[in-house]
Amino acid sequence: MIPDPHRPDRKIVLSDAGVYDNLGLDPIENQRATVLVSDAGKKMKHEEKPHHNWPLQLFRVLTVMDNQVRELRTGSLLKSYQDKRFAGTYWATYSDITHFGLPDALPAPVERTRALAETKTRLTRMSEKVQDNLINWGYAACDAGMRRWVCPGTSLTPEFPYPGSGVG
């Protein structure tokens, strides 16, 4: 927690979703706050022919359960925004930037951003170009969510952190 520079009586909390739930929402339950959620979770793929051996079937069952919980949590979050339980915005690696409805959103073609969303997360190096693209995509999605739902009317002109890279 860090002090809020605009409101000394409040603290700013940053939580990684891995703390407890996938979206990091439990720490803010029943609090009045502005909730900004960045979801980099991977979407579950449909399997035409699921595995036949039981260990892989069990893994699939766990994946289905995880996916269902993610969908329920996301739906609950979006409903909380609609019901005005708290303010904020949600963006995800699988978001389509055109759905934010900003005429001046940073250019982020959905076919490129979906490819970026499929980038494997691992503790190994990735190319600088892919890193730049991922950072730019996260920035573009955050910018669109913030300017659409949290700070509408902001006169800020958005620019990518790595302007020579775009999102690929």
Foldseek 3Di string as FASTA:
>chain_A
DAADPVDRVDGDDDDCCVPDHQFPCVVCPPHAEADETEHLDAADDDDPDQDDDVVSVVVVVVVVVNNVSVVVVVVVVVVCCVVPVYFYFYDYLQDDLVVLVDPQQADDHNVLSVVLSPDDDDPDDDDPLSVLLVQQSSVRRSVSGCCRTPNPPDPDRDAGPPNVRHND
